[in-house]
Structure formats: structure tokens, C-alpha cells
Amino acid sequence: MSNQVDSLENEHAVSAEGQQHPISLYLKIWVLLFVLSALSYMVDYMQFQGVIRWVLILVFMALKAGFIIAIFMHMMWERMALITAILIPPLCLLLLIALMGMESRYTFLSRLTFFSST
């Protein structure tokens, strides 16, 4: 009986203090963020042009943002409901932005077709 009470008190003490994560995890992510930043700068240094440049920059940016959100903002340890509540709205906005981009291209091409002077 005494062991059960002690274990319950220990669990309560741990939950009251919060969850502790090893410092090595934070240091590894910190180093990884520096490496990704260096790779992002290398895109400009190597003078990539066109679509490959923007794809690489956006990929490195998304990776860095994902690591920051997952580790430093503790999203990796949150419940799925909170994760979806935070991540679904920005994803929906990105989808709407992509749809608006496709519609603007259609409108531009339609105007070129029907309003061009020949």
C-alpha cells in the first residue's frame, strides 16, 4: 500500500513540474537548424536560378519551421487534437492560396486569348 501511495505522489510531482526533455535533443535540433540555414545560404552562394532555387529555399524553410514547431514549441508531445487544431487552418489557407493562383493563371490566359489585339 505504501508503495502505491509513493508512486502516485511521484507521478503527481512529475506532472506538476512538467515534462523534462534531454538537453541533447535541443542541442541536436539546434545544430540541425544551423546546417539547414547553411544549406539555404548555399543555394544563393551556388547561384541556383529558376524553379530549383525557389524549391530548395522553400524546402529548407519548411524543414526549419517544422523542427522549431515540433521540438522548441513542444508540438511533438502534444495531443493529436491540439496538433490538428493548430495545423489544419494554415494548411487550408495554403490550399486556398494554391487555388487562387490557378484561377489567376486561368483568368490571365483567358484575357490574353480574348482581349489581345490581332
PDB file of N, CA and C in Angstrom:
ATOM      1  N   MET A   1       0.823  -1.200   0.000  1.00  0.00           N
ATOM      2  CA  MET A   1       0.000   0.000   0.000  1.00  0.00           C
ATOM      3  C   MET A   1       0.867   1.264   0.000  1.00  0.00           C
ATOM      4  N   SER A   2       1.921   1.218   0.775  1.00  0.00           N
ATOM      5  CA  SER A   2       2.825   2.356   0.870  1.00  0.00           C
ATOM      6  C   SER A   2       3.510   2.629  -0.462  1.00  0.00           C
ATOM      7  N   ASN A   3       3.859   1.564  -1.195  1.00  0.00           N
ATOM      8  CA  ASN A   3       4.500   1.731  -2.498  1.00  0.00           C
ATOM      9  C   ASN A   3       3.572   2.397  -3.502  1.00  0.00           C
ATOM     10  N   GLN A   4       2.279   2.037  -3.437  1.00  0.00           N
ATOM     11  CA  GLN A   4       1.312   2.635  -4.355  1.00  0.00           C
ATOM     12  C   GLN A   4       1.150   4.128  -4.067  1.00  0.00           C
ATOM     13  N   VAL A   5       1.099   4.483  -2.798  1.00  0.00           N
ATOM     14  CA  VAL A   5       0.961   5.891  -2.424  1.00  0.00           C
ATOM     15  C   VAL A   5       2.199   6.664  -2.866  1.00  0.00           C
ATOM     16  N   ASP A   6       3.389   6.091  -2.657  1.00  0.00           N
ATOM     17  CA  ASP A   6       4.624   6.757  -3.078  1.00  0.00           C
ATOM     18  C   ASP A   6       4.669   6.964  -4.583  1.00  0.00           C
ATOM     19  N   SER A   7       4.252   5.930  -5.339  1.00  0.00           N
ATOM     20  CA  SER A   7       4.285   6.064  -6.800  1.00  0.00           C
ATOM     21  C   SER A   7       3.284   7.092  -7.281  1.00  0.00           C
ATOM     22  N   LEU A   8       2.111   7.149  -6.628  1.00  0.00           N
ATOM     23  CA  LEU A   8       1.127   8.169  -7.011  1.00  0.00           C
ATOM     24  C   LEU A   8       1.644   9.569  -6.691  1.00  0.00           C
ATOM     25  N   GLU A   9       2.321   9.733  -5.554  1.00  0.00           N
ATOM     26  CA  GLU A   9       2.873  11.034  -5.200  1.00  0.00           C
ATOM     27  C   GLU A   9       3.974  11.441  -6.185  1.00  0.00           C
ATOM     28  N   ASN A  10       4.796  10.483  -6.602  1.00  0.00           N
ATOM     29  CA  ASN A  10       5.852  10.778  -7.567  1.00  0.00           C
ATOM     30  C   ASN A  10       5.267  11.177  -8.916  1.00  0.00           C
ATOM     31  N   GLU A  11       4.222  10.462  -9.358  1.00  0.00           N
ATOM     32  CA  GLU A  11       3.578  10.810 -10.634  1.00  0.00           C
ATOM     33  C   GLU A  11       2.986  12.202 -10.569  1.00  0.00           C
ATOM     34  N   HIS A  12       2.359  12.531  -9.430  1.00  0.00           N
ATOM     35  CA  HIS A  12       1.763  13.853  -9.279  1.00  0.00           C
ATOM     36  C   HIS A  12       2.846  14.932  -9.285  1.00  0.00           C
ATOM     37  N   ALA A  13       3.967  14.672  -8.646  1.00  0.00           N
ATOM     38  CA  ALA A  13       5.056  15.644  -8.601  1.00  0.00           C
ATOM     39  C   ALA A  13       5.638  15.873  -9.993  1.00  0.00           C
ATOM     40  N   VAL A  14       5.769  14.808 -10.782  1.00  0.00           N
ATOM     41  CA  VAL A  14       6.307  14.940 -12.134  1.00  0.00           C
ATOM     42  C   VAL A  14       5.344  15.721 -13.011  1.00  0.00           C
ATOM     43  N   SER A  15       4.031  15.436 -12.906  1.00  0.00           N
ATOM     44  CA  SER A  15       3.074  16.145 -13.752  1.00  0.00           C
ATOM     45  C   SER A  15       2.940  17.604 -13.346  1.00  0.00           C
ATOM     46  N   ALA A  16       3.135  17.911 -12.065  1.00  0.00           N
ATOM     47  CA  ALA A  16       3.048  19.299 -11.625  1.00  0.00           C
ATOM     48  C   ALA A  16       4.247  20.098 -12.116  1.00  0.00           C
ATOM     49  N   GLU A  17       5.420  19.486 -12.179  1.00  0.00           N
ATOM     50  CA  GLU A  17       6.619  20.187 -12.616  1.00  0.00           C
ATOM     51  C   GLU A  17       6.677  20.331 -14.124  1.00  0.00           C
ATOM     52  N   GLY A  18       6.055  19.458 -14.847  1.00  0.00           N
ATOM     53  CA  GLY A  18       6.111  19.476 -16.294  1.00  0.00           C
ATOM     54  C   GLY A  18       7.055  18.407 -16.799  1.00  0.00           C
ATOM     55  N   GLN A  19       6.995  18.175 -18.060  1.00  0.00           N
ATOM     56  CA  GLN A  19       7.804  17.131 -18.668  1.00  0.00           C
ATOM     57  C   GLN A  19       9.194  17.676 -18.978  1.00  0.00           C
ATOM     58  N   GLN A  20      10.206  16.917 -18.627  1.00  0.00           N
ATOM     59  CA  GLN A  20      11.582  17.320 -18.879  1.00  0.00           C
ATOM     60  C   GLN A  20      12.114  16.561 -20.087  1.00  0.00           C
ATOM     61  N   HIS A  21      12.747  17.265 -20.994  1.00  0.00           N
ATOM     62  CA  HIS A  21      13.326  16.652 -22.177  1.00  0.00           C
ATOM     63  C   HIS A  21      14.835  16.779 -22.085  1.00  0.00           C
ATOM     64  N   PRO A  22      15.555  15.818 -22.617  1.00  0.00           N
ATOM     65  CA  PRO A  22      17.017  15.882 -22.518  1.00  0.00           C
ATOM     66  C   PRO A  22      17.581  17.057 -23.312  1.00  0.00           C
ATOM     67  N   ILE A  23      18.578  17.702 -22.742  1.00  0.00           N
ATOM     68  CA  ILE A  23      19.200  18.857 -23.385  1.00  0.00           C
ATOM     69  C   ILE A  23      19.876  18.460 -24.697  1.00  0.00           C
ATOM     70  N   SER A  24      20.296  17.203 -24.789  1.00  0.00           N
ATOM     71  CA  SER A  24      20.959  16.752 -26.018  1.00  0.00           C
ATOM     72  C   SER A  24      20.021  16.838 -27.224  1.00  0.00           C
ATOM     73  N   LEU A  25      18.728  16.605 -27.004  1.00  0.00           N
ATOM     74  CA  LEU A  25      17.755  16.717 -28.091  1.00  0.00           C
ATOM     75  C   LEU A  25      17.716  18.142 -28.626  1.00  0.00           C
ATOM     76  N   TYR A  26      17.677  19.109 -27.717  1.00  0.00           N
ATOM     77  CA  TYR A  26      17.642  20.510 -28.129  1.00  0.00           C
ATOM     78  C   TYR A  26      18.927  20.914 -28.836  1.00  0.00           C
ATOM     79  N   LEU A  27      20.055  20.431 -28.360  1.00  0.00           N
ATOM     80  CA  LEU A  27      21.330  20.759 -28.999  1.00  0.00           C
ATOM     81  C   LEU A  27      21.422  20.152 -30.398  1.00  0.00           C
ATOM     82  N   LYS A  28      20.936  18.923 -30.554  1.00  0.00           N
ATOM     83  CA  LYS A  28      20.952  18.290 -31.879  1.00  0.00           C
ATOM     84  C   LYS A  28      20.075  19.055 -32.859  1.00  0.00           C
ATOM     85  N   ILE A  29      18.891  19.473 -32.425  1.00  0.00           N
ATOM     86  CA  ILE A  29      17.989  20.234 -33.298  1.00  0.00           C
ATOM     87  C   ILE A  29      18.602  21.600 -33.599  1.00  0.00           C
ATOM     88  N   TRP A  30      19.253  22.202 -32.631  1.00  0.00           N
ATOM     89  CA  TRP A  30      19.910  23.487 -32.832  1.00  0.00           C
ATOM     90  C   TRP A  30      20.981  23.374 -33.902  1.00  0.00           C
ATOM     91  N   VAL A  31      21.804  22.327 -33.826  1.00  0.00           N
ATOM     92  CA  VAL A  31      22.839  22.095 -34.835  1.00  0.00           C
ATOM     93  C   VAL A  31      22.198  21.830 -36.197  1.00  0.00           C
ATOM     94  N   LEU A  32      21.140  21.038 -36.213  1.00  0.00           N
ATOM     95  CA  LEU A  32      20.443  20.754 -37.467  1.00  0.00           C
ATOM     96  C   LEU A  32      19.877  22.022 -38.093  1.00  0.00           C
ATOM     97  N   LEU A  33      19.361  22.930 -37.281  1.00  0.00           N
ATOM     98  CA  LEU A  33      18.859  24.199 -37.803  1.00  0.00           C
ATOM     99  C   LEU A  33      19.992  25.036 -38.403  1.00  0.00           C
ATOM    100  N   PHE A  34      21.147  25.009 -37.785  1.00  0.00           N
ATOM    101  CA  PHE A  34      22.299  25.709 -38.357  1.00  0.00           C
ATOM    102  C   PHE A  34      22.706  25.095 -39.687  1.00  0.00           C
ATOM    103  N   VAL A  35      22.687  23.767 -39.768  1.00  0.00           N
ATOM    104  CA  VAL A  35      23.041  23.098 -41.023  1.00  0.00           C
ATOM    105  C   VAL A  35      22.034  23.454 -42.115  1.00  0.00           C
ATOM    106  N   LEU A  36      20.739  23.427 -41.784  1.00  0.00           N
ATOM    107  CA  LEU A  36      19.722  23.780 -42.776  1.00  0.00           C
ATOM    108  C   LEU A  36      19.849  25.238 -43.208  1.00  0.00           C
ATOM    109  N   SER A  37      20.200  26.118 -42.270  1.00  0.00           N
ATOM    110  CA  SER A  37      20.413  27.524 -42.629  1.00  0.00           C
ATOM    111  C   SER A  37      21.614  27.667 -43.552  1.00  0.00           C
ATOM    112  N   ALA A  38      22.668  26.929 -43.263  1.00  0.00           N
ATOM    113  CA  ALA A  38      23.844  26.973 -44.128  1.00  0.00           C
ATOM    114  C   ALA A  38      23.506  26.463 -45.525  1.00  0.00           C
ATOM    115  N   LEU A  39      22.726  25.402 -45.608  1.00  0.00           N
ATOM    116  CA  LEU A  39      22.320  24.892 -46.921  1.00  0.00           C
ATOM    117  C   LEU A  39      21.453  25.916 -47.655  1.00  0.00           C
ATOM    118  N   SER A  40      20.615  26.615 -46.907  1.00  0.00           N
ATOM    119  CA  SER A  40      19.782  27.650 -47.519  1.00  0.00           C
ATOM    120  C   SER A  40      20.643  28.774 -48.084  1.00  0.00           C
ATOM    121  N   TYR A  41      21.680  29.170 -47.352  1.00  0.00           N
ATOM    122  CA  TYR A  41      22.592  30.188 -47.864  1.00  0.00           C
ATOM    123  C   TYR A  41      23.405  29.671 -49.038  1.00  0.00           C
ATOM    124  N   MET A  42      23.702  28.393 -49.050  1.00  0.00           N
ATOM    125  CA  MET A  42      24.474  27.797 -50.146  1.00  0.00           C
ATOM    126  C   MET A  42      23.700  27.854 -51.470  1.00  0.00           C
ATOM    127  N   VAL A  43      22.376  27.847 -51.373  1.00  0.00           N
ATOM    128  CA  VAL A  43      21.562  27.962 -52.588  1.00  0.00           C
ATOM    129  C   VAL A  43      21.896  29.266 -53.299  1.00  0.00           C
ATOM    130  N   ASP A  44      22.013  30.344 -52.545  1.00  0.00           N
ATOM    131  CA  ASP A  44      22.387  31.632 -53.156  1.00  0.00           C
ATOM    132  C   ASP A  44      23.858  31.664 -53.538  1.00  0.00           C
ATOM    133  N   TYR A  45      24.711  31.093 -52.708  1.00  0.00           N
ATOM    134  CA  TYR A  45      26.141  31.101 -52.991  1.00  0.00           C
ATOM    135  C   TYR A  45      26.458  30.319 -54.270  1.00  0.00           C
ATOM    136  N   MET A  46      25.763  29.200 -54.467  1.00  0.00           N
ATOM    137  CA  MET A  46      25.984  28.376 -55.660  1.00  0.00           C
ATOM    138  C   MET A  46      25.270  28.948 -56.888  1.00  0.00           C
ATOM    139  N   GLN A  47      24.519  30.022 -56.690  1.00  0.00           N
ATOM    140  CA  GLN A  47      23.825  30.757 -57.753  1.00  0.00           C
ATOM    141  C   GLN A  47      22.849  29.883 -58.542  1.00  0.00           C
ATOM    142  N   PHE A  48      22.069  29.092 -57.804  1.00  0.00           N
ATOM    143  CA  PHE A  48      20.987  28.365 -58.458  1.00  0.00           C
ATOM    144  C   PHE A  48      19.974  29.380 -58.969  1.00  0.00           C
ATOM    145  N   GLN A  49      19.356  29.086 -60.110  1.00  0.00           N
ATOM    146  CA  GLN A  49      18.393  30.003 -60.707  1.00  0.00           C
ATOM    147  C   GLN A  49      17.105  29.262 -61.034  1.00  0.00           C
ATOM    148  N   GLY A  50      16.034  30.008 -61.134  1.00  0.00           N
ATOM    149  CA  GLY A  50      14.771  29.460 -61.585  1.00  0.00           C
ATOM    150  C   GLY A  50      14.035  28.676 -60.508  1.00  0.00           C
ATOM    151  N   VAL A  51      13.332  27.670 -60.965  1.00  0.00           N
ATOM    152  CA  VAL A  51      12.448  26.901 -60.086  1.00  0.00           C
ATOM    153  C   VAL A  51      13.234  26.141 -59.023  1.00  0.00           C
ATOM    154  N   ILE A  52      14.391  25.590 -59.379  1.00  0.00           N
ATOM    155  CA  ILE A  52      15.170  24.805 -58.414  1.00  0.00           C
ATOM    156  C   ILE A  52      15.583  25.660 -57.218  1.00  0.00           C
ATOM    157  N   ARG A  53      15.892  26.933 -57.463  1.00  0.00           N
ATOM    158  CA  ARG A  53      16.266  27.843 -56.374  1.00  0.00           C
ATOM    159  C   ARG A  53      15.127  28.004 -55.382  1.00  0.00           C
ATOM    160  N   TRP A  54      13.935  28.293 -55.912  1.00  0.00           N
ATOM    161  CA  TRP A  54      12.801  28.542 -55.039  1.00  0.00           C
ATOM    162  C   TRP A  54      12.330  27.274 -54.343  1.00  0.00           C
ATOM    163  N   VAL A  55      12.417  26.147 -55.020  1.00  0.00           N
ATOM    164  CA  VAL A  55      12.028  24.884 -54.388  1.00  0.00           C
ATOM    165  C   VAL A  55      12.965  24.584 -53.217  1.00  0.00           C
ATOM    166  N   LEU A  56      14.269  24.737 -53.433  1.00  0.00           N
ATOM    167  CA  LEU A  56      15.227  24.468 -52.350  1.00  0.00           C
ATOM    168  C   LEU A  56      15.032  25.423 -51.173  1.00  0.00           C
ATOM    169  N   ILE A  57      14.846  26.694 -51.463  1.00  0.00           N
ATOM    170  CA  ILE A  57      14.644  27.668 -50.387  1.00  0.00           C
ATOM    171  C   ILE A  57      13.386  27.337 -49.598  1.00  0.00           C
ATOM    172  N   LEU A  58      12.294  27.016 -50.283  1.00  0.00           N
ATOM    173  CA  LEU A  58      11.048  26.688 -49.592  1.00  0.00           C
ATOM    174  C   LEU A  58      11.139  25.384 -48.811  1.00  0.00           C
ATOM    175  N   VAL A  59      11.847  24.399 -49.344  1.00  0.00           N
ATOM    176  CA  VAL A  59      12.008  23.131 -48.625  1.00  0.00           C
ATOM    177  C   VAL A  59      12.807  23.349 -47.342  1.00  0.00           C
ATOM    178  N   PHE A  60      13.921  24.073 -47.437  1.00  0.00           N
ATOM    179  CA  PHE A  60      14.724  24.338 -46.237  1.00  0.00           C
ATOM    180  C   PHE A  60      13.937  25.165 -45.227  1.00  0.00           C
ATOM    181  N   MET A  61      13.164  26.130 -45.704  1.00  0.00           N
ATOM    182  CA  MET A  61      12.352  26.946 -44.813  1.00  0.00           C
ATOM    183  C   MET A  61      11.309  26.096 -44.096  1.00  0.00           C
ATOM    184  N   ALA A  62      10.624  25.213 -44.835  1.00  0.00           N
ATOM    185  CA  ALA A  62       9.599  24.365 -44.232  1.00  0.00           C
ATOM    186  C   ALA A  62      10.211  23.384 -43.222  1.00  0.00           C
ATOM    187  N   LEU A  63      11.373  22.841 -43.535  1.00  0.00           N
ATOM    188  CA  LEU A  63      12.037  21.934 -42.588  1.00  0.00           C
ATOM    189  C   LEU A  63      12.414  22.656 -41.298  1.00  0.00           C
ATOM    190  N   LYS A  64      12.977  23.847 -41.429  1.00  0.00           N
ATOM    191  CA  LYS A  64      13.361  24.601 -40.235  1.00  0.00           C
ATOM    192  C   LYS A  64      12.132  24.956 -39.403  1.00  0.00           C
ATOM    193  N   ALA A  65      11.077  25.415 -40.057  1.00  0.00           N
ATOM    194  CA  ALA A  65       9.854  25.758 -39.328  1.00  0.00           C
ATOM    195  C   ALA A  65       9.256  24.522 -38.665  1.00  0.00           C
ATOM    196  N   GLY A  66       9.278  23.386 -39.347  1.00  0.00           N
ATOM    197  CA  GLY A  66       8.741  22.157 -38.777  1.00  0.00           C
ATOM    198  C   GLY A  66       9.505  21.711 -37.547  1.00  0.00           C
ATOM    199  N   PHE A  67      10.836  21.785 -37.592  1.00  0.00           N
ATOM    200  CA  PHE A  67      11.632  21.405 -36.419  1.00  0.00           C
ATOM    201  C   PHE A  67      11.400  22.364 -35.255  1.00  0.00           C
ATOM    202  N   ILE A  68      11.286  23.642 -35.550  1.00  0.00           N
ATOM    203  CA  ILE A  68      11.041  24.615 -34.481  1.00  0.00           C
ATOM    204  C   ILE A  68       9.689  24.366 -33.834  1.00  0.00           C
ATOM    205  N   ILE A  69       8.669  24.135 -34.646  1.00  0.00           N
ATOM    206  CA  ILE A  69       7.333  23.884 -34.103  1.00  0.00           C
ATOM    207  C   ILE A  69       7.303  22.570 -33.329  1.00  0.00           C
ATOM    208  N   ALA A  70       7.897  21.523 -33.880  1.00  0.00           N
ATOM    209  CA  ALA A  70       7.824  20.202 -33.253  1.00  0.00           C
ATOM    210  C   ALA A  70       8.609  20.130 -31.953  1.00  0.00           C
ATOM    211  N   ILE A  71       9.813  20.677 -31.934  1.00  0.00           N
ATOM    212  CA  ILE A  71      10.678  20.496 -30.774  1.00  0.00           C
ATOM    213  C   ILE A  71      10.615  21.682 -29.816  1.00  0.00           C
ATOM    214  N   PHE A  72      10.910  22.874 -30.286  1.00  0.00           N
ATOM    215  CA  PHE A  72      11.004  24.019 -29.384  1.00  0.00           C
ATOM    216  C   PHE A  72       9.640  24.513 -28.913  1.00  0.00           C
ATOM    217  N   MET A  73       8.591  24.294 -29.705  1.00  0.00           N
ATOM    218  CA  MET A  73       7.254  24.663 -29.259  1.00  0.00           C
ATOM    219  C   MET A  73       6.519  23.457 -28.677  1.00  0.00           C
ATOM    220  N   HIS A  74       7.210  22.347 -28.510  1.00  0.00           N
ATOM    221  CA  HIS A  74       6.719  21.129 -27.851  1.00  0.00           C
ATOM    222  C   HIS A  74       5.486  20.514 -28.511  1.00  0.00           C
ATOM    223  N   MET A  75       5.324  20.720 -29.807  1.00  0.00           N
ATOM    224  CA  MET A  75       4.183  20.131 -30.509  1.00  0.00           C
ATOM    225  C   MET A  75       4.312  18.620 -30.642  1.00  0.00           C
ATOM    226  N   MET A  76       5.528  18.125 -30.648  1.00  0.00           N
ATOM    227  CA  MET A  76       5.731  16.685 -30.808  1.00  0.00           C
ATOM    228  C   MET A  76       5.131  15.906 -29.641  1.00  0.00           C
ATOM    229  N   TRP A  77       5.000  16.557 -28.495  1.00  0.00           N
ATOM    230  CA  TRP A  77       4.499  15.877 -27.315  1.00  0.00           C
ATOM    231  C   TRP A  77       3.066  16.252 -26.972  1.00  0.00           C
ATOM    232  N   GLU A  78       2.392  16.971 -27.841  1.00  0.00           N
ATOM    233  CA  GLU A  78       1.011  17.373 -27.580  1.00  0.00           C
ATOM    234  C   GLU A  78       0.028  16.317 -28.069  1.00  0.00           C
ATOM    235  N   ARG A  79      -1.202  16.478 -27.667  1.00  0.00           N
ATOM    236  CA  ARG A  79      -2.264  15.577 -28.113  1.00  0.00           C
ATOM    237  C   ARG A  79      -2.600  15.850 -29.569  1.00  0.00           C
ATOM    238  N   MET A  80      -3.122  14.830 -30.224  1.00  0.00           N
ATOM    239  CA  MET A  80      -3.438  14.942 -31.648  1.00  0.00           C
ATOM    240  C   MET A  80      -4.498  16.016 -31.906  1.00  0.00           C
ATOM    241  N   ALA A  81      -5.444  16.183 -31.007  1.00  0.00           N
ATOM    242  CA  ALA A  81      -6.494  17.193 -31.198  1.00  0.00           C
ATOM    243  C   ALA A  81      -5.888  18.595 -31.263  1.00  0.00           C
ATOM    244  N   LEU A  82      -4.933  18.872 -30.394  1.00  0.00           N
ATOM    245  CA  LEU A  82      -4.304  20.193 -30.406  1.00  0.00           C
ATOM    246  C   LEU A  82      -3.454  20.383 -31.650  1.00  0.00           C
ATOM    247  N   ILE A  83      -2.766  19.334 -32.042  1.00  0.00           N
ATOM    248  CA  ILE A  83      -1.936  19.422 -33.249  1.00  0.00           C
ATOM    249  C   ILE A  83      -2.794  19.722 -34.470  1.00  0.00           C
ATOM    250  N   THR A  84      -3.899  19.012 -34.618  1.00  0.00           N
ATOM    251  CA  THR A  84      -4.759  19.250 -35.782  1.00  0.00           C
ATOM    252  C   THR A  84      -5.426  20.624 -35.703  1.00  0.00           C
ATOM    253  N   ALA A  85      -5.769  21.063 -34.500  1.00  0.00           N
ATOM    254  CA  ALA A  85      -6.400  22.382 -34.362  1.00  0.00           C
ATOM    255  C   ALA A  85      -5.441  23.500 -34.754  1.00  0.00           C
ATOM    256  N   ILE A  86      -4.157  23.274 -34.581  1.00  0.00           N
ATOM    257  CA  ILE A  86      -3.182  24.310 -34.916  1.00  0.00           C
ATOM    258  C   ILE A  86      -2.699  24.182 -36.363  1.00  0.00           C
ATOM    259  N   LEU A  87      -2.586  22.965 -36.878  1.00  0.00           N
ATOM    260  CA  LEU A  87      -2.013  22.780 -38.211  1.00  0.00           C
ATOM    261  C   LEU A  87      -3.026  22.795 -39.350  1.00  0.00           C
ATOM    262  N   ILE A  88      -4.267  22.408 -39.103  1.00  0.00           N
ATOM    263  CA  ILE A  88      -5.273  22.345 -40.176  1.00  0.00           C
ATOM    264  C   ILE A  88      -5.583  23.726 -40.768  1.00  0.00           C
ATOM    265  N   PRO A  89      -5.817  24.786 -39.972  1.00  0.00           N
ATOM    266  CA  PRO A  89      -6.120  26.095 -40.591  1.00  0.00           C
ATOM    267  C   PRO A  89      -5.031  26.620 -41.524  1.00  0.00           C
ATOM    268  N   PRO A  90      -3.732  26.582 -41.158  1.00  0.00           N
ATOM    269  CA  PRO A  90      -2.734  27.048 -42.129  1.00  0.00           C
ATOM    270  C   PRO A  90      -2.688  26.189 -43.385  1.00  0.00           C
ATOM    271  N   LEU A  91      -2.897  24.895 -43.248  1.00  0.00           N
ATOM    272  CA  LEU A  91      -2.914  24.038 -44.434  1.00  0.00           C
ATOM    273  C   LEU A  91      -4.092  24.378 -45.344  1.00  0.00           C
ATOM    274  N   CYS A  92      -5.236  24.681 -44.753  1.00  0.00           N
ATOM    275  CA  CYS A  92      -6.389  25.105 -45.559  1.00  0.00           C
ATOM    276  C   CYS A  92      -6.098  26.424 -46.265  1.00  0.00           C
ATOM    277  N   LEU A  93      -5.427  27.342 -45.583  1.00  0.00           N
ATOM    278  CA  LEU A  93      -5.060  28.604 -46.223  1.00  0.00           C
ATOM    279  C   LEU A  93      -4.105  28.384 -47.388  1.00  0.00           C
ATOM    280  N   LEU A  94      -3.145  27.488 -47.223  1.00  0.00           N
ATOM    281  CA  LEU A  94      -2.237  27.181 -48.330  1.00  0.00           C
ATOM    282  C   LEU A  94      -2.988  26.589 -49.514  1.00  0.00           C
ATOM    283  N   LEU A  95      -3.953  25.740 -49.243  1.00  0.00           N
ATOM    284  CA  LEU A  95      -4.766  25.168 -50.317  1.00  0.00           C
ATOM    285  C   LEU A  95      -5.543  26.266 -51.034  1.00  0.00           C
ATOM    286  N   LEU A  96      -6.142  27.182 -50.282  1.00  0.00           N
ATOM    287  CA  LEU A  96      -6.891  28.277 -50.906  1.00  0.00           C
ATOM    288  C   LEU A  96      -5.974  29.190 -51.716  1.00  0.00           C
ATOM    289  N   ILE A  97      -4.763  29.432 -51.216  1.00  0.00           N
ATOM    290  CA  ILE A  97      -3.813  30.247 -51.971  1.00  0.00           C
ATOM    291  C   ILE A  97      -3.440  29.563 -53.275  1.00  0.00           C
ATOM    292  N   ALA A  98      -3.240  28.238 -53.232  1.00  0.00           N
ATOM    293  CA  ALA A  98      -2.920  27.496 -54.458  1.00  0.00           C
ATOM    294  C   ALA A  98      -4.081  27.560 -55.447  1.00  0.00           C
ATOM    295  N   LEU A  99      -5.302  27.430 -54.958  1.00  0.00           N
ATOM    296  CA  LEU A  99      -6.472  27.515 -55.845  1.00  0.00           C
ATOM    297  C   LEU A  99      -6.594  28.912 -56.454  1.00  0.00           C
ATOM    298  N   MET A 100      -6.316  29.952 -55.660  1.00  0.00           N
ATOM    299  CA  MET A 100      -6.373  31.313 -56.198  1.00  0.00           C
ATOM    300  C   MET A 100      -5.296  31.518 -57.258  1.00  0.00           C
ATOM    301  N   GLY A 101      -4.125  30.917 -57.045  1.00  0.00           N
ATOM    302  CA  GLY A 101      -3.067  31.017 -58.045  1.00  0.00           C
ATOM    303  C   GLY A 101      -3.468  30.375 -59.358  1.00  0.00           C
ATOM    304  N   MET A 102      -4.099  29.201 -59.275  1.00  0.00           N
ATOM    305  CA  MET A 102      -4.553  28.533 -60.501  1.00  0.00           C
ATOM    306  C   MET A 102      -5.639  29.346 -61.202  1.00  0.00           C
ATOM    307  N   GLU A 103      -6.543  29.927 -60.421  1.00  0.00           N
ATOM    308  CA  GLU A 103      -7.606  30.732 -61.018  1.00  0.00           C
ATOM    309  C   GLU A 103      -7.040  32.004 -61.652  1.00  0.00           C
ATOM    310  N   SER A 104      -6.042  32.605 -61.019  1.00  0.00           N
ATOM    311  CA  SER A 104      -5.466  33.827 -61.603  1.00  0.00           C
ATOM    312  C   SER A 104      -4.755  33.522 -62.915  1.00  0.00           C
ATOM    313  N   ARG A 105      -4.109  32.368 -62.981  1.00  0.00           N
ATOM    314  CA  ARG A 105      -3.454  31.987 -64.235  1.00  0.00           C
ATOM    315  C   ARG A 105      -4.498  31.774 -65.342  1.00  0.00           C
ATOM    316  N   TYR A 106      -5.611  31.114 -65.001  1.00  0.00           N
ATOM    317  CA  TYR A 106      -6.689  30.903 -65.963  1.00  0.00           C
ATOM    318  C   TYR A 106      -7.247  32.240 -66.439  1.00  0.00           C
ATOM    319  N   THR A 107      -7.471  33.172 -65.500  1.00  0.00           N
ATOM    320  CA  THR A 107      -8.003  34.484 -65.864  1.00  0.00           C
ATOM    321  C   THR A 107      -7.024  35.240 -66.762  1.00  0.00           C
ATOM    322  N   PHE A 108      -5.755  35.188 -66.430  1.00  0.00           N
ATOM    323  CA  PHE A 108      -4.746  35.861 -67.240  1.00  0.00           C
ATOM    324  C   PHE A 108      -4.699  35.286 -68.652  1.00  0.00           C
ATOM    325  N   LEU A 109      -4.702  33.967 -68.769  1.00  0.00           N
ATOM    326  CA  LEU A 109      -4.665  33.347 -70.089  1.00  0.00           C
ATOM    327  C   LEU A 109      -5.944  33.616 -70.878  1.00  0.00           C
ATOM    328  N   SER A 110      -7.082  33.666 -70.184  1.00  0.00           N
ATOM    329  CA  SER A 110      -8.341  33.996 -70.859  1.00  0.00           C
ATOM    330  C   SER A 110      -8.314  35.414 -71.398  1.00  0.00           C
ATOM    331  N   ARG A 111      -7.786  36.334 -70.622  1.00  0.00           N
ATOM    332  CA  ARG A 111      -7.695  37.720 -71.081  1.00  0.00           C
ATOM    333  C   ARG A 111      -6.747  37.843 -72.263  1.00  0.00           C
ATOM    334  N   LEU A 112      -5.646  37.109 -72.234  1.00  0.00           N
ATOM    335  CA  LEU A 112      -4.742  37.124 -73.369  1.00  0.00           C
ATOM    336  C   LEU A 112      -5.426  36.601 -74.621  1.00  0.00           C
ATOM    337  N   THR A 113      -6.223  35.575 -74.456  1.00  0.00           N
ATOM    338  CA  THR A 113      -6.886  34.947 -75.614  1.00  0.00           C
ATOM    339  C   THR A 113      -7.964  35.862 -76.199  1.00  0.00           C
ATOM    340  N   PHE A 114      -8.824  36.415 -75.338  1.00  0.00           N
ATOM    341  CA  PHE A 114      -9.998  37.129 -75.833  1.00  0.00           C
ATOM    342  C   PHE A 114      -9.791  38.636 -76.005  1.00  0.00           C
ATOM    343  N   PHE A 115      -8.821  39.222 -75.327  1.00  0.00           N
ATOM    344  CA  PHE A 115      -8.664  40.662 -75.420  1.00  0.00           C
ATOM    345  C   PHE A 115      -7.399  41.093 -76.133  1.00  0.00           C
ATOM    346  N   SER A 116      -6.670  40.162 -76.677  1.00  0.00           N
ATOM    347  CA  SER A 116      -5.447  40.561 -77.371  1.00  0.00           C
ATOM    348  C   SER A 116      -5.824  41.129 -78.734  1.00  0.00           C
ATOM    349  N   SER A 117      -5.096  42.164 -79.109  1.00  0.00           N
ATOM    350  CA  SER A 117      -5.378  42.785 -80.404  1.00  0.00           C
ATOM    351  C   SER A 117      -4.577  42.067 -81.467  1.00  0.00           C
ATOM    352  N   THR A 118      -5.289  41.577 -82.472  1.00  0.00           N
ATOM    353  CA  THR A 118      -4.627  40.879 -83.566  1.00  0.00           C
ATOM    354  C   THR A 118      -4.870  41.546 -84.885  1.00  0.00           C
TER     355      THR A 118
END
